[in-house]
Each structure stands twice: as C-alpha cells, then as structure tokens.
C-alpha cells in the first residue's frame, strides 16, 4: 500500500536526508511553495533564496534543492502509479 506524503512527512524526510533542523526544513518548504520549483527558470532563484535565508553555501543550497525535488518527484510518481491507493 502506498501512503500519501503530507507536509509533515515531507519535512521529516527533508530533515533526514539533508540534516537540516525542522525549522530550516520549514523555511525550505516555504521557499518551494512560493516558487514553481519544477521550472528550470526558478531553480537559480530558489537556490539563491536558500543561500540567503539559510546562510549556507551555493553547493549546499543546490544539494537541498535537488533532494527536495527528488522527494517531491518520487511522491508524484507514486501517486501516478497508484492513484487510488490512499482513498479509503
């Protein structure tokens, strides 16, 4: 059975994979929600915003962006493969 990921689960997974605190994971989520993260044009904008708001290096910001995108993409693929699994 596929379990749909909610915002809290996304934050936990992001914290786990990146080593970010929950408060910093919330900041990342807020930045992603403000911007259409799948668009290549917004990638640089999101990474720049991560650098500024989290006070991290450009490389670390790019890593966080890629991990976030992977987590969300995997969840989207799960929903496409199993569209009715979580409808009880």
PDB file of N, CA and C in Angstrom:
ATOM      1  N   UNK A   1       0.839  -1.189   0.000  1.00  0.00           N
ATOM      2  CA  UNK A   1       0.000   0.000   0.000  1.00  0.00           C
ATOM      3  C   UNK A   1       0.880   1.247   0.000  1.00  0.00           C
ATOM      4  N   UNK A   2       0.532   2.192  -0.821  1.00  0.00           N
ATOM      5  CA  UNK A   2       1.254   3.455  -0.910  1.00  0.00           C
ATOM      6  C   UNK A   2       0.581   4.451   0.010  1.00  0.00           C
ATOM      7  N   UNK A   3       1.366   5.090   0.840  1.00  0.00           N
ATOM      8  CA  UNK A   3       0.826   6.091   1.758  1.00  0.00           C
ATOM      9  C   UNK A   3       1.198   7.465   1.225  1.00  0.00           C
ATOM     10  N   UNK A   4       0.189   8.331   1.106  1.00  0.00           N
ATOM     11  CA  UNK A   4       0.430   9.682   0.590  1.00  0.00           C
ATOM     12  C   UNK A   4       1.259  10.479   1.594  1.00  0.00           C
ATOM     13  N   UNK A   5       2.172  11.247   1.082  1.00  0.00           N
ATOM     14  CA  UNK A   5       3.033  12.064   1.933  1.00  0.00           C
ATOM     15  C   UNK A   5       2.368  13.415   2.170  1.00  0.00           C
ATOM     16  N   UNK A   6       2.253  13.789   3.417  1.00  0.00           N
ATOM     17  CA  UNK A   6       1.735  15.110   3.715  1.00  0.00           C
ATOM     18  C   UNK A   6       2.906  16.044   4.008  1.00  0.00           C
ATOM     19  N   UNK A   7       2.576  17.271   4.319  1.00  0.00           N
ATOM     20  CA  UNK A   7       3.611  18.283   4.535  1.00  0.00           C
ATOM     21  C   UNK A   7       4.549  17.897   5.685  1.00  0.00           C
ATOM     22  N   UNK A   8       3.987  17.396   6.765  1.00  0.00           N
ATOM     23  CA  UNK A   8       4.803  16.999   7.907  1.00  0.00           C
ATOM     24  C   UNK A   8       5.771  15.884   7.564  1.00  0.00           C
ATOM     25  N   UNK A   9       5.295  14.921   6.790  1.00  0.00           N
ATOM     26  CA  UNK A   9       6.159  13.819   6.375  1.00  0.00           C
ATOM     27  C   UNK A   9       7.255  14.304   5.431  1.00  0.00           C
ATOM     28  N   UNK A  10       6.903  15.261   4.559  1.00  0.00           N
ATOM     29  CA  UNK A  10       7.908  15.844   3.675  1.00  0.00           C
ATOM     30  C   UNK A  10       8.997  16.530   4.493  1.00  0.00           C
ATOM     31  N   UNK A  11       8.585  17.284   5.500  1.00  0.00           N
ATOM     32  CA  UNK A  11       9.553  17.995   6.340  1.00  0.00           C
ATOM     33  C   UNK A  11      10.466  17.018   7.074  1.00  0.00           C
ATOM     34  N   UNK A  12       9.900  15.932   7.588  1.00  0.00           N
ATOM     35  CA  UNK A  12      10.712  14.919   8.271  1.00  0.00           C
ATOM     36  C   UNK A  12      11.704  14.272   7.320  1.00  0.00           C
ATOM     37  N   UNK A  13      11.240  13.926   6.120  1.00  0.00           N
ATOM     38  CA  UNK A  13      12.114  13.292   5.134  1.00  0.00           C
ATOM     39  C   UNK A  13      13.203  14.252   4.682  1.00  0.00           C
ATOM     40  N   UNK A  14      12.851  15.504   4.478  1.00  0.00           N
ATOM     41  CA  UNK A  14      13.831  16.512   4.091  1.00  0.00           C
ATOM     42  C   UNK A  14      14.883  16.686   5.184  1.00  0.00           C
ATOM     43  N   UNK A  15      14.450  16.753   6.422  1.00  0.00           N
ATOM     44  CA  UNK A  15      15.387  16.870   7.550  1.00  0.00           C
ATOM     45  C   UNK A  15      16.304  15.661   7.612  1.00  0.00           C
ATOM     46  N   UNK A  16      15.732  14.497   7.424  1.00  0.00           N
ATOM     47  CA  UNK A  16      16.502  13.250   7.481  1.00  0.00           C
ATOM     48  C   UNK A  16      17.567  13.197   6.388  1.00  0.00           C
ATOM     49  N   UNK A  17      17.186  13.553   5.167  1.00  0.00           N
ATOM     50  CA  UNK A  17      18.106  13.436   4.040  1.00  0.00           C
ATOM     51  C   UNK A  17      19.127  14.572   3.954  1.00  0.00           C
ATOM     52  N   UNK A  18      18.805  15.720   4.521  1.00  0.00           N
ATOM     53  CA  UNK A  18      19.713  16.873   4.416  1.00  0.00           C
ATOM     54  C   UNK A  18      20.432  17.206   5.712  1.00  0.00           C
ATOM     55  N   UNK A  19      19.925  16.726   6.820  1.00  0.00           N
ATOM     56  CA  UNK A  19      20.499  17.073   8.107  1.00  0.00           C
ATOM     57  C   UNK A  19      20.049  18.431   8.616  1.00  0.00           C
ATOM     58  N   UNK A  20      19.045  19.010   7.977  1.00  0.00           N
ATOM     59  CA  UNK A  20      18.524  20.311   8.407  1.00  0.00           C
ATOM     60  C   UNK A  20      17.633  20.147   9.635  1.00  0.00           C
ATOM     61  N   UNK A  21      17.585  21.174  10.452  1.00  0.00           N
ATOM     62  CA  UNK A  21      16.643  21.183  11.575  1.00  0.00           C
ATOM     63  C   UNK A  21      15.235  21.336  11.015  1.00  0.00           C
ATOM     64  N   UNK A  22      14.244  21.062  11.853  1.00  0.00           N
ATOM     65  CA  UNK A  22      12.861  21.186  11.401  1.00  0.00           C
ATOM     66  C   UNK A  22      12.537  22.622  11.000  1.00  0.00           C
ATOM     67  N   UNK A  23      13.053  23.585  11.742  1.00  0.00           N
ATOM     68  CA  UNK A  23      12.763  24.993  11.417  1.00  0.00           C
ATOM     69  C   UNK A  23      13.366  25.389  10.068  1.00  0.00           C
ATOM     70  N   UNK A  24      14.554  24.882   9.760  1.00  0.00           N
ATOM     71  CA  UNK A  24      15.161  25.178   8.461  1.00  0.00           C
ATOM     72  C   UNK A  24      14.440  24.428   7.345  1.00  0.00           C
ATOM     73  N   UNK A  25      13.964  23.218   7.628  1.00  0.00           N
ATOM     74  CA  UNK A  25      13.189  22.463   6.637  1.00  0.00           C
ATOM     75  C   UNK A  25      11.891  23.208   6.317  1.00  0.00           C
ATOM     76  N   UNK A  26      11.299  23.837   7.315  1.00  0.00           N
ATOM     77  CA  UNK A  26      10.090  24.636   7.097  1.00  0.00           C
ATOM     78  C   UNK A  26      10.407  25.825   6.193  1.00  0.00           C
ATOM     79  N   UNK A  27      11.552  26.477   6.397  1.00  0.00           N
ATOM     80  CA  UNK A  27      11.958  27.580   5.522  1.00  0.00           C
ATOM     81  C   UNK A  27      12.122  27.104   4.078  1.00  0.00           C
ATOM     82  N   UNK A  28      12.749  25.935   3.903  1.00  0.00           N
ATOM     83  CA  UNK A  28      12.920  25.369   2.557  1.00  0.00           C
ATOM     84  C   UNK A  28      11.550  25.135   1.938  1.00  0.00           C
ATOM     85  N   UNK A  29      10.652  24.533   2.692  1.00  0.00           N
ATOM     86  CA  UNK A  29       9.312  24.260   2.181  1.00  0.00           C
ATOM     87  C   UNK A  29       8.593  25.544   1.784  1.00  0.00           C
ATOM     88  N   UNK A  30       8.711  26.572   2.609  1.00  0.00           N
ATOM     89  CA  UNK A  30       8.079  27.858   2.293  1.00  0.00           C
ATOM     90  C   UNK A  30       8.618  28.433   0.985  1.00  0.00           C
ATOM     91  N   UNK A  31       9.921  28.327   0.783  1.00  0.00           N
ATOM     92  CA  UNK A  31      10.539  28.830  -0.453  1.00  0.00           C
ATOM     93  C   UNK A  31      10.034  28.031  -1.648  1.00  0.00           C
ATOM     94  N   UNK A  32       9.947  26.716  -1.500  1.00  0.00           N
ATOM     95  CA  UNK A  32       9.458  25.874  -2.594  1.00  0.00           C
ATOM     96  C   UNK A  32       8.000  26.167  -2.908  1.00  0.00           C
ATOM     97  N   UNK A  33       7.197  26.393  -1.878  1.00  0.00           N
ATOM     98  CA  UNK A  33       5.785  26.690  -2.101  1.00  0.00           C
ATOM     99  C   UNK A  33       5.582  28.037  -2.784  1.00  0.00           C
ATOM    100  N   UNK A  34       6.466  28.995  -2.519  1.00  0.00           N
ATOM    101  CA  UNK A  34       6.372  30.322  -3.147  1.00  0.00           C
ATOM    102  C   UNK A  34       6.730  30.295  -4.624  1.00  0.00           C
ATOM    103  N   UNK A  35       7.570  29.350  -5.009  1.00  0.00           N
ATOM    104  CA  UNK A  35       8.091  29.302  -6.376  1.00  0.00           C
ATOM    105  C   UNK A  35       7.698  27.985  -7.033  1.00  0.00           C
ATOM    106  N   UNK A  36       7.498  28.022  -8.327  1.00  0.00           N
ATOM    107  CA  UNK A  36       7.212  26.800  -9.074  1.00  0.00           C
ATOM    108  C   UNK A  36       8.545  26.088  -9.269  1.00  0.00           C
ATOM    109  N   UNK A  37       8.848  25.149  -8.371  1.00  0.00           N
ATOM    110  CA  UNK A  37      10.198  24.591  -8.301  1.00  0.00           C
ATOM    111  C   UNK A  37      10.571  23.717  -9.494  1.00  0.00           C
ATOM    112  N   UNK A  38       9.616  23.208 -10.238  1.00  0.00           N
ATOM    113  CA  UNK A  38       9.929  22.339 -11.369  1.00  0.00           C
ATOM    114  C   UNK A  38      10.476  23.137 -12.552  1.00  0.00           C
ATOM    115  N   UNK A  39      10.123  24.385 -12.634  1.00  0.00           N
ATOM    116  CA  UNK A  39      10.587  25.240 -13.721  1.00  0.00           C
ATOM    117  C   UNK A  39      12.093  25.474 -13.622  1.00  0.00           C
ATOM    118  N   UNK A  40      12.798  25.268 -14.735  1.00  0.00           N
ATOM    119  CA  UNK A  40      14.246  25.477 -14.742  1.00  0.00           C
ATOM    120  C   UNK A  40      14.597  26.940 -14.484  1.00  0.00           C
ATOM    121  N   UNK A  41      13.717  27.830 -14.883  1.00  0.00           N
ATOM    122  CA  UNK A  41      13.962  29.250 -14.673  1.00  0.00           C
ATOM    123  C   UNK A  41      13.950  29.643 -13.210  1.00  0.00           C
ATOM    124  N   UNK A  42      13.200  28.916 -12.400  1.00  0.00           N
ATOM    125  CA  UNK A  42      13.115  29.233 -10.977  1.00  0.00           C
ATOM    126  C   UNK A  42      14.180  28.538 -10.149  1.00  0.00           C
ATOM    127  N   UNK A  43      14.874  27.568 -10.719  1.00  0.00           N
ATOM    128  CA  UNK A  43      15.879  26.824  -9.962  1.00  0.00           C
ATOM    129  C   UNK A  43      16.923  27.767  -9.367  1.00  0.00           C
ATOM    130  N   UNK A  44      17.485  28.633 -10.181  1.00  0.00           N
ATOM    131  CA  UNK A  44      18.517  29.560  -9.701  1.00  0.00           C
ATOM    132  C   UNK A  44      17.963  30.517  -8.648  1.00  0.00           C
ATOM    133  N   UNK A  45      16.731  30.962  -8.858  1.00  0.00           N
ATOM    134  CA  UNK A  45      16.091  31.860  -7.896  1.00  0.00           C
ATOM    135  C   UNK A  45      15.904  31.159  -6.550  1.00  0.00           C
ATOM    136  N   UNK A  46      15.441  29.919  -6.577  1.00  0.00           N
ATOM    137  CA  UNK A  46      15.223  29.153  -5.352  1.00  0.00           C
ATOM    138  C   UNK A  46      16.551  28.911  -4.631  1.00  0.00           C
ATOM    139  N   UNK A  47      17.561  28.509  -5.381  1.00  0.00           N
ATOM    140  CA  UNK A  47      18.874  28.247  -4.783  1.00  0.00           C
ATOM    141  C   UNK A  47      19.441  29.517  -4.163  1.00  0.00           C
ATOM    142  N   UNK A  48      19.307  30.635  -4.844  1.00  0.00           N
ATOM    143  CA  UNK A  48      19.786  31.913  -4.299  1.00  0.00           C
ATOM    144  C   UNK A  48      19.057  32.268  -3.008  1.00  0.00           C
ATOM    145  N   UNK A  49      17.761  32.032  -3.001  1.00  0.00           N
ATOM    146  CA  UNK A  49      16.979  32.327  -1.809  1.00  0.00           C
ATOM    147  C   UNK A  49      17.368  31.402  -0.650  1.00  0.00           C
ATOM    148  N   UNK A  50      17.661  30.140  -0.958  1.00  0.00           N
ATOM    149  CA  UNK A  50      18.113  29.202   0.071  1.00  0.00           C
ATOM    150  C   UNK A  50      19.441  29.660   0.675  1.00  0.00           C
ATOM    151  N   UNK A  51      20.352  30.119  -0.182  1.00  0.00           N
ATOM    152  CA  UNK A  51      21.655  30.610   0.291  1.00  0.00           C
ATOM    153  C   UNK A  51      21.460  31.757   1.279  1.00  0.00           C
ATOM    154  N   UNK A  52      20.599  32.685   0.928  1.00  0.00           N
ATOM    155  CA  UNK A  52      20.387  33.870   1.758  1.00  0.00           C
ATOM    156  C   UNK A  52      19.654  33.523   3.057  1.00  0.00           C
ATOM    157  N   UNK A  53      18.530  32.824   2.947  1.00  0.00           N
ATOM    158  CA  UNK A  53      17.698  32.579   4.132  1.00  0.00           C
ATOM    159  C   UNK A  53      18.296  31.556   5.089  1.00  0.00           C
ATOM    160  N   UNK A  54      19.051  30.587   4.565  1.00  0.00           N
ATOM    161  CA  UNK A  54      19.628  29.563   5.429  1.00  0.00           C
ATOM    162  C   UNK A  54      21.084  29.851   5.769  1.00  0.00           C
ATOM    163  N   UNK A  55      21.649  30.869   5.135  1.00  0.00           N
ATOM    164  CA  UNK A  55      23.049  31.241   5.337  1.00  0.00           C
ATOM    165  C   UNK A  55      23.969  30.036   5.102  1.00  0.00           C
ATOM    166  N   UNK A  56      23.846  29.483   3.880  1.00  0.00           N
ATOM    167  CA  UNK A  56      24.625  28.304   3.502  1.00  0.00           C
ATOM    168  C   UNK A  56      25.337  28.567   2.180  1.00  0.00           C
ATOM    169  N   UNK A  57      26.210  27.643   1.802  1.00  0.00           N
ATOM    170  CA  UNK A  57      26.948  27.784   0.551  1.00  0.00           C
ATOM    171  C   UNK A  57      26.037  27.480  -0.644  1.00  0.00           C
ATOM    172  N   UNK A  58      26.477  27.915  -1.792  1.00  0.00           N
ATOM    173  CA  UNK A  58      25.752  27.661  -3.033  1.00  0.00           C
ATOM    174  C   UNK A  58      25.648  26.154  -3.299  1.00  0.00           C
ATOM    175  N   UNK A  59      26.719  25.423  -3.041  1.00  0.00           N
ATOM    176  CA  UNK A  59      26.706  23.970  -3.247  1.00  0.00           C
ATOM    177  C   UNK A  59      25.696  23.280  -2.337  1.00  0.00           C
ATOM    178  N   UNK A  60      25.668  23.676  -1.064  1.00  0.00           N
ATOM    179  CA  UNK A  60      24.724  23.083  -0.111  1.00  0.00           C
ATOM    180  C   UNK A  60      23.290  23.420  -0.510  1.00  0.00           C
ATOM    181  N   UNK A  61      23.051  24.632  -0.972  1.00  0.00           N
ATOM    182  CA  UNK A  61      21.717  25.047  -1.409  1.00  0.00           C
ATOM    183  C   UNK A  61      21.271  24.224  -2.619  1.00  0.00           C
ATOM    184  N   UNK A  62      22.183  23.993  -3.554  1.00  0.00           N
ATOM    185  CA  UNK A  62      21.859  23.183  -4.732  1.00  0.00           C
ATOM    186  C   UNK A  62      21.552  21.748  -4.320  1.00  0.00           C
ATOM    187  N   UNK A  63      22.299  21.245  -3.339  1.00  0.00           N
ATOM    188  CA  UNK A  63      22.056  19.886  -2.842  1.00  0.00           C
ATOM    189  C   UNK A  63      20.669  19.786  -2.198  1.00  0.00           C
ATOM    190  N   UNK A  64      20.312  20.768  -1.391  1.00  0.00           N
ATOM    191  CA  UNK A  64      18.993  20.787  -0.743  1.00  0.00           C
ATOM    192  C   UNK A  64      17.892  20.875  -1.797  1.00  0.00           C
ATOM    193  N   UNK A  65      18.097  21.716  -2.804  1.00  0.00           N
ATOM    194  CA  UNK A  65      17.121  21.840  -3.890  1.00  0.00           C
ATOM    195  C   UNK A  65      16.919  20.489  -4.576  1.00  0.00           C
ATOM    196  N   UNK A  66      18.020  19.825  -4.909  1.00  0.00           N
ATOM    197  CA  UNK A  66      17.931  18.545  -5.616  1.00  0.00           C
ATOM    198  C   UNK A  66      17.277  17.464  -4.763  1.00  0.00           C
ATOM    199  N   UNK A  67      17.589  17.426  -3.488  1.00  0.00           N
ATOM    200  CA  UNK A  67      16.973  16.449  -2.587  1.00  0.00           C
ATOM    201  C   UNK A  67      15.476  16.722  -2.469  1.00  0.00           C
ATOM    202  N   UNK A  68      15.101  17.982  -2.317  1.00  0.00           N
ATOM    203  CA  UNK A  68      13.687  18.357  -2.228  1.00  0.00           C
ATOM    204  C   UNK A  68      12.941  17.938  -3.485  1.00  0.00           C
ATOM    205  N   UNK A  69      13.536  18.228  -4.612  1.00  0.00           N
ATOM    206  CA  UNK A  69      12.917  17.887  -5.886  1.00  0.00           C
ATOM    207  C   UNK A  69      12.749  16.371  -6.019  1.00  0.00           C
ATOM    208  N   UNK A  70      13.755  15.628  -5.574  1.00  0.00           N
ATOM    209  CA  UNK A  70      13.690  14.166  -5.642  1.00  0.00           C
ATOM    210  C   UNK A  70      12.573  13.617  -4.752  1.00  0.00           C
ATOM    211  N   UNK A  71      12.469  14.127  -3.537  1.00  0.00           N
ATOM    212  CA  UNK A  71      11.419  13.676  -2.609  1.00  0.00           C
ATOM    213  C   UNK A  71      10.044  13.938  -3.218  1.00  0.00           C
ATOM    214  N   UNK A  72       9.837  15.140  -3.721  1.00  0.00           N
ATOM    215  CA  UNK A  72       8.541  15.512  -4.284  1.00  0.00           C
ATOM    216  C   UNK A  72       8.261  14.727  -5.569  1.00  0.00           C
ATOM    217  N   UNK A  73       9.263  14.571  -6.414  1.00  0.00           N
ATOM    218  CA  UNK A  73       9.088  13.822  -7.660  1.00  0.00           C
ATOM    219  C   UNK A  73       8.728  12.370  -7.393  1.00  0.00           C
ATOM    220  N   UNK A  74       9.387  11.768  -6.393  1.00  0.00           N
ATOM    221  CA  UNK A  74       9.064  10.388  -6.031  1.00  0.00           C
ATOM    222  C   UNK A  74       7.630  10.262  -5.553  1.00  0.00           C
ATOM    223  N   UNK A  75       7.160  11.230  -4.790  1.00  0.00           N
ATOM    224  CA  UNK A  75       5.782  11.205  -4.309  1.00  0.00           C
ATOM    225  C   UNK A  75       4.807  11.353  -5.475  1.00  0.00           C
ATOM    226  N   UNK A  76       5.122  12.217  -6.424  1.00  0.00           N
ATOM    227  CA  UNK A  76       4.257  12.387  -7.594  1.00  0.00           C
ATOM    228  C   UNK A  76       4.204  11.095  -8.397  1.00  0.00           C
ATOM    229  N   UNK A  77       5.350  10.453  -8.584  1.00  0.00           N
ATOM    230  CA  UNK A  77       5.382   9.186  -9.327  1.00  0.00           C
ATOM    231  C   UNK A  77       4.577   8.108  -8.602  1.00  0.00           C
ATOM    232  N   UNK A  78       4.660   8.055  -7.293  1.00  0.00           N
ATOM    233  CA  UNK A  78       3.866   7.088  -6.531  1.00  0.00           C
ATOM    234  C   UNK A  78       2.379   7.316  -6.736  1.00  0.00           C
ATOM    235  N   UNK A  79       1.967   8.574  -6.756  1.00  0.00           N
ATOM    236  CA  UNK A  79       0.551   8.891  -6.968  1.00  0.00           C
ATOM    237  C   UNK A  79       0.110   8.535  -8.386  1.00  0.00           C
ATOM    238  N   UNK A  80       0.987   8.719  -9.359  1.00  0.00           N
ATOM    239  CA  UNK A  80       0.644   8.360 -10.734  1.00  0.00           C
ATOM    240  C   UNK A  80       0.534   6.842 -10.910  1.00  0.00           C
ATOM    241  N   UNK A  81       1.420   6.114 -10.242  1.00  0.00           N
ATOM    242  CA  UNK A  81       1.415   4.656 -10.346  1.00  0.00           C
ATOM    243  C   UNK A  81       0.255   4.035  -9.574  1.00  0.00           C
ATOM    244  N   UNK A  82      -0.130   4.659  -8.472  1.00  0.00           N
ATOM    245  CA  UNK A  82      -1.160   4.112  -7.600  1.00  0.00           C
ATOM    246  C   UNK A  82      -2.174   5.201  -7.240  1.00  0.00           C
ATOM    247  N   UNK A  83      -2.987   5.654  -8.217  1.00  0.00           N
ATOM    248  CA  UNK A  83      -3.836   6.824  -7.983  1.00  0.00           C
ATOM    249  C   UNK A  83      -4.951   6.621  -6.954  1.00  0.00           C
ATOM    250  N   UNK A  84      -5.369   5.375  -6.714  1.00  0.00           N
ATOM    251  CA  UNK A  84      -6.492   5.171  -5.816  1.00  0.00           C
ATOM    252  C   UNK A  84      -6.118   4.467  -4.511  1.00  0.00           C
ATOM    253  N   UNK A  85      -4.825   4.275  -4.280  1.00  0.00           N
ATOM    254  CA  UNK A  85      -4.363   3.532  -3.107  1.00  0.00           C
ATOM    255  C   UNK A  85      -4.742   4.182  -1.788  1.00  0.00           C
ATOM    256  N   UNK A  86      -4.702   5.488  -1.693  1.00  0.00           N
ATOM    257  CA  UNK A  86      -4.931   6.145  -0.409  1.00  0.00           C
ATOM    258  C   UNK A  86      -6.340   6.685  -0.252  1.00  0.00           C
ATOM    259  N   UNK A  87      -7.260   6.210  -1.055  1.00  0.00           N
ATOM    260  CA  UNK A  87      -8.658   6.675  -0.975  1.00  0.00           C
ATOM    261  C   UNK A  87      -9.497   5.631  -0.256  1.00  0.00           C
ATOM    262  N   UNK A  88      -9.447   5.652   1.056  1.00  0.00           N
ATOM    263  CA  UNK A  88     -10.238   4.702   1.862  1.00  0.00           C
ATOM    264  C   UNK A  88     -11.534   5.312   2.283  1.00  0.00           C
TER     265      UNK A  88
END
